[in-house]
Amino acid sequence: MIEPFHIPLANISDIENILKNINIKKSAGPGMVLSSLVKMCSEVIAMPLTNAVNHIVVSCIFPDSSKTAHVTPCYKKKGRTDKANYRPVSVIGTLPKILERYIQNKVCEHIDKCLSNLISAYRKNYSSNHVLIRLIEKWKKQMDNKFCWGSIDGFIEGF
């Protein structure tokens, strides 16, 4: 049975970890708060940010000011004069990125608890190599035990 998901309240360590890993090369966005400034002040602003994230989680209201983005056309291919050859790139502010990252981390933690170790697609610290190695080891163990399957389909089902 899969337990329902609720966004838990943030700990200061959650926010400090996010602040520590902020990419300082990213653009400031509409709030014009530089990522490098946020990272430098992380010890001072960690607690107020934790309180702000918790307030947003409890109230379930994302601030309107955080919903704005700077949208810039980015060239894709072919002729530069055709507007169809551009795609929009949205740059959001640094503070909404922190909230997004917190929620993403909590959703991923919940999903990882629900998924089998055999599923590796789109998961952090998992790769298809892990699944292949596990499959090869299973085959080797079966061969060592002189166990032979009638068909490959039967073998995969036994995996």
Protein backbone atom coordinates (compact mmCIF):
# COMPACT_ATOMS: atom_id res chain seq x y z
CA MET A 1 0.00 0.00 0.00
CA ILE A 2 1.38 3.37 -1.02
CA GLU A 3 1.09 6.00 1.66
CA PRO A 4 -0.40 9.36 0.60
CA PHE A 5 1.99 12.22 -0.03
CA HIS A 6 1.95 15.42 1.98
CA ILE A 7 4.69 18.01 1.75
CA PRO A 8 6.40 17.95 5.14
CA LEU A 9 7.50 21.11 6.91
CA ALA A 10 11.06 22.15 6.13
CA ASN A 11 13.92 21.75 8.57
CA ILE A 12 16.65 24.35 8.60
CA SER A 13 19.06 21.60 7.44
CA ASP A 14 16.91 21.04 4.31
CA ILE A 15 17.13 24.70 3.37
CA GLU A 16 20.83 24.96 4.27
CA ASN A 17 21.55 22.01 1.98
CA ILE A 18 19.66 23.68 -0.88
CA LEU A 19 21.48 26.98 -0.28
CA LYS A 20 24.83 25.20 -0.20
CA ASN A 21 24.15 23.67 -3.62
CA ILE A 22 22.78 26.77 -5.37
CA ASN A 23 24.28 27.30 -8.81
CA ILE A 24 25.79 30.79 -8.67
CA LYS A 25 26.10 30.96 -12.47
CA LYS A 26 22.34 31.15 -12.96
CA SER A 27 20.60 34.42 -13.77
CA ALA A 28 18.90 36.44 -11.02
CA GLY A 29 15.43 36.47 -12.58
CA PRO A 30 12.63 38.97 -11.87
CA GLY A 31 13.50 39.51 -8.20
CA MET A 32 17.04 40.55 -9.19
CA VAL A 33 18.43 38.66 -6.18
CA LEU A 34 21.72 37.13 -7.27
CA SER A 35 22.33 33.47 -6.48
CA SER A 36 25.87 34.30 -5.37
CA LEU A 37 24.49 36.81 -2.83
CA VAL A 38 22.02 34.24 -1.47
CA LYS A 39 24.82 31.70 -1.16
CA MET A 40 27.08 34.18 0.66
CA CYS A 41 24.32 35.06 3.12
CA SER A 42 23.07 31.49 3.53
CA GLU A 43 23.89 31.26 7.26
CA VAL A 44 21.92 34.42 7.99
CA ILE A 45 18.91 33.78 5.76
CA ALA A 46 18.49 30.02 6.28
CA MET A 47 16.08 30.36 9.21
CA PRO A 48 13.86 33.09 7.65
CA LEU A 49 13.75 31.08 4.41
CA THR A 50 12.78 27.96 6.35
CA ASN A 51 9.94 29.91 7.97
CA ALA A 52 8.84 31.28 4.58
CA VAL A 53 8.87 27.81 2.98
CA ASN A 54 6.89 26.38 5.89
CA HIS A 55 4.35 29.21 5.66
CA ILE A 56 3.87 28.51 1.94
CA VAL A 57 3.55 24.75 2.58
CA VAL A 58 0.99 25.24 5.39
CA SER A 59 -1.07 27.88 3.59
CA CYS A 60 -0.83 26.15 0.19
CA ILE A 61 -0.50 29.59 -1.39
CA PHE A 62 2.40 30.30 -3.72
CA PRO A 63 3.08 34.08 -3.75
CA ASP A 64 2.02 35.86 -6.93
CA SER A 65 5.30 37.75 -7.05
CA SER A 66 7.11 34.40 -7.33
CA LYS A 67 5.05 33.33 -10.33
CA THR A 68 6.67 35.82 -12.71
CA ALA A 69 9.58 34.98 -14.97
CA HIS A 70 11.82 36.68 -17.51
CA VAL A 71 11.14 34.99 -20.84
CA THR A 72 13.79 35.22 -23.54
CA PRO A 73 13.68 33.71 -27.03
CA CYS A 74 16.50 31.22 -27.55
CA TYR A 75 17.60 30.25 -31.07
CA LYS A 76 17.11 26.56 -31.99
CA LYS A 77 18.01 25.90 -35.62
CA LYS A 78 17.90 27.00 -39.28
CA GLY A 79 16.99 30.58 -40.25
CA ARG A 80 17.28 33.21 -37.54
CA THR A 81 14.57 35.37 -39.15
CA ASP A 82 11.79 32.77 -38.65
CA LYS A 83 10.19 33.03 -35.22
CA ALA A 84 9.36 29.29 -35.31
CA ASN A 85 13.09 28.61 -34.93
CA TYR A 86 13.17 30.04 -31.41
CA ARG A 87 12.03 28.55 -28.11
CA PRO A 88 11.15 30.44 -24.95
CA VAL A 89 13.50 30.22 -21.97
CA SER A 90 11.98 31.26 -18.64
CA VAL A 91 14.19 32.50 -15.82
CA ILE A 92 12.56 32.52 -12.39
CA GLY A 93 13.84 34.24 -9.27
CA THR A 94 16.30 32.72 -6.83
CA LEU A 95 13.85 32.45 -3.94
CA PRO A 96 11.17 30.56 -5.93
CA LYS A 97 13.97 28.22 -7.10
CA ILE A 98 14.70 27.37 -3.47
CA LEU A 99 11.04 26.53 -2.82
CA GLU A 100 10.87 24.49 -6.03
CA ARG A 101 14.00 22.55 -5.08
CA TYR A 102 12.62 21.81 -1.59
CA ILE A 103 9.35 20.45 -2.99
CA GLN A 104 11.20 18.49 -5.70
CA ASN A 105 13.45 16.87 -3.07
CA LYS A 106 10.48 15.82 -0.92
CA VAL A 107 8.50 14.45 -3.87
CA CYS A 108 11.55 12.47 -5.07
CA GLU A 109 12.11 11.06 -1.56
CA HIS A 110 8.49 9.88 -1.46
CA ILE A 111 8.62 8.36 -4.94
CA ASP A 112 11.91 6.58 -4.20
CA LYS A 113 10.27 4.85 -1.23
CA CYS A 114 7.49 3.59 -3.50
CA LEU A 115 9.59 2.35 -6.43
CA SER A 116 11.38 -0.97 -6.77
CA ASN A 117 15.18 -1.04 -6.85
CA LEU A 118 14.84 -2.56 -10.31
CA ILE A 119 13.44 0.68 -11.72
CA SER A 120 16.25 3.04 -12.62
CA ALA A 121 14.84 5.47 -15.17
CA TYR A 122 14.83 9.16 -14.22
CA ARG A 123 16.11 8.51 -10.70
CA LYS A 124 19.08 10.09 -9.00
CA ASN A 125 21.95 7.68 -8.20
CA TYR A 126 20.43 4.94 -10.37
CA SER A 127 21.41 3.94 -13.88
CA SER A 128 20.55 1.26 -16.38
CA ASN A 129 23.99 -0.19 -15.63
CA HIS A 130 22.78 -1.18 -12.16
CA VAL A 131 19.89 -3.13 -13.63
CA LEU A 132 22.12 -4.80 -16.22
CA ILE A 133 24.70 -5.79 -13.61
CA ARG A 134 21.95 -7.25 -11.39
CA LEU A 135 20.57 -9.20 -14.38
CA ILE A 136 24.01 -10.55 -15.35
CA GLU A 137 24.75 -11.58 -11.76
CA LYS A 138 21.40 -13.40 -11.61
CA TRP A 139 22.22 -15.22 -14.84
CA LYS A 140 25.68 -16.20 -13.60
CA LYS A 141 24.24 -17.52 -10.33
CA GLN A 142 21.66 -19.59 -12.24
CA MET A 143 24.36 -20.98 -14.54
CA ASP A 144 26.56 -21.86 -11.55
CA ASN A 145 23.63 -23.78 -10.07
CA LYS A 146 23.17 -25.57 -13.42
CA PHE A 147 19.69 -24.11 -13.68
CA CYS A 148 18.53 -23.59 -17.27
CA TRP A 149 15.38 -21.91 -18.45
CA GLY A 150 13.42 -23.15 -21.45
CA SER A 151 13.18 -19.71 -23.02
CA ILE A 152 14.42 -16.20 -22.47
CA ASP A 153 10.86 -15.08 -21.62
CA GLY A 154 10.70 -17.57 -18.77
CA PHE A 155 14.07 -16.39 -17.54
CA ILE A 156 13.07 -12.74 -17.52
CA GLU A 157 9.85 -13.54 -15.67
CA GLY A 158 11.97 -15.34 -13.09
CA PHE A 159 14.13 -12.24 -12.74
